[in-house]
Amino acid sequence: MTGSYLKPSTILSHWSPRDRLMQYEAEEKRKVTGFPTAKELRQAKEVAEARLKREEEEEEQMGLVRLKKLKRTLLRNLSDLA
């Protein structure tokens, strides 16, 4: 993402990505019954990482606003008030 866009603020963006990853891994590990094998642990981690990446991409696409457009709109609104 370039500096010409504002990143939207969402509920998930207030949590550390590392904390979310750890939470998602724990959720995936709970789905495994019995003693988890190395393969199952690796798959749980991959699923958690994919979920985190997908959520971050959705957040980026949700509400990007161009800075130039935002400045123009704000200046227009301010001039209307005067």
Protein backbone atom coordinates (compact mmCIF):
# COMPACT_ATOMS: atom_id res chain seq x y z
CA MET A 1 0.00 0.00 0.00
CA THR A 2 1.36 3.41 -0.85
CA GLY A 3 1.37 6.56 1.25
CA SER A 4 -1.43 8.05 -0.83
CA TYR A 5 -4.10 6.01 0.91
CA LEU A 6 -5.51 6.05 4.43
CA LYS A 7 -5.74 2.63 6.04
CA PRO A 8 -9.21 1.97 7.46
CA SER A 9 -9.59 1.41 11.17
CA THR A 10 -11.49 -1.75 12.09
CA ILE A 11 -12.02 -3.68 15.28
CA LEU A 12 -9.46 -6.27 14.24
CA SER A 13 -6.86 -3.63 13.43
CA HIS A 14 -6.68 -2.77 17.14
CA TRP A 15 -5.35 -6.25 17.95
CA SER A 16 -1.75 -7.15 17.33
CA PRO A 17 -1.37 -9.40 14.26
CA ARG A 18 0.83 -11.71 16.35
CA ASP A 19 -1.86 -12.00 19.04
CA ARG A 20 -4.51 -12.76 16.43
CA LEU A 21 -2.25 -15.39 14.85
CA MET A 22 -1.72 -17.06 18.23
CA GLN A 23 -5.47 -17.03 18.88
CA TYR A 24 -6.26 -18.52 15.47
CA GLU A 25 -3.61 -21.23 15.93
CA ALA A 26 -5.10 -22.13 19.32
CA GLU A 27 -8.58 -22.39 17.75
CA GLU A 28 -7.28 -24.69 15.02
CA LYS A 29 -5.38 -26.85 17.54
CA ARG A 30 -8.56 -27.28 19.60
CA LYS A 31 -10.23 -28.82 16.55
CA VAL A 32 -7.68 -31.66 16.59
CA THR A 33 -8.79 -34.60 18.70
CA GLY A 34 -6.31 -36.64 20.66
CA PHE A 35 -2.57 -36.02 20.63
CA PRO A 36 -1.74 -33.78 17.63
CA THR A 37 0.94 -34.93 15.23
CA ALA A 38 3.55 -32.62 13.74
CA LYS A 39 1.63 -32.64 10.46
CA GLU A 40 -1.60 -31.58 12.18
CA LEU A 41 0.21 -28.80 14.07
CA ARG A 42 1.77 -27.56 10.82
CA GLN A 43 -1.61 -27.61 9.09
CA ALA A 44 -3.19 -25.70 11.98
CA LYS A 45 -0.50 -23.04 11.70
CA GLU A 46 -0.94 -22.78 7.91
CA VAL A 47 -4.72 -22.41 8.25
CA ALA A 48 -4.28 -19.71 10.91
CA GLU A 49 -1.77 -17.79 8.76
CA ALA A 50 -4.08 -17.99 5.74
CA ARG A 51 -7.00 -16.70 7.82
CA LEU A 52 -4.92 -13.77 9.12
CA LYS A 53 -3.71 -12.89 5.63
CA ARG A 54 -7.25 -13.07 4.21
CA GLU A 55 -8.59 -10.80 6.96
CA GLU A 56 -5.82 -8.25 6.41
CA GLU A 57 -6.54 -8.19 2.67
CA GLU A 58 -10.27 -7.72 3.34
CA GLU A 59 -9.50 -4.85 5.74
CA GLU A 60 -7.36 -3.13 3.11
CA GLN A 61 -10.06 -3.41 0.45
CA MET A 62 -12.90 -2.40 2.74
CA GLY A 63 -12.51 1.34 2.91
CA LEU A 64 -9.46 2.78 1.22
CA VAL A 65 -9.72 6.53 0.78
CA ARG A 66 -7.35 8.50 -1.41
CA LEU A 67 -5.69 11.29 0.57
CA LYS A 68 -6.01 13.81 -2.27
CA LYS A 69 -9.74 13.18 -2.54
CA LEU A 70 -10.14 13.45 1.23
CA LYS A 71 -8.23 16.75 1.35
CA ARG A 72 -10.29 18.14 -1.53
CA THR A 73 -13.53 17.15 0.19
CA LEU A 74 -12.45 18.63 3.51
CA LEU A 75 -11.38 21.91 1.90
CA ARG A 76 -14.67 22.13 0.01
CA ASN A 77 -16.63 21.54 3.20
CA LEU A 78 -14.61 24.15 5.06
CA SER A 79 -15.14 26.71 2.32
CA ASP A 80 -18.90 26.01 2.40
CA LEU A 81 -18.93 26.76 6.13
CA ALA A 82 -17.21 30.12 5.66
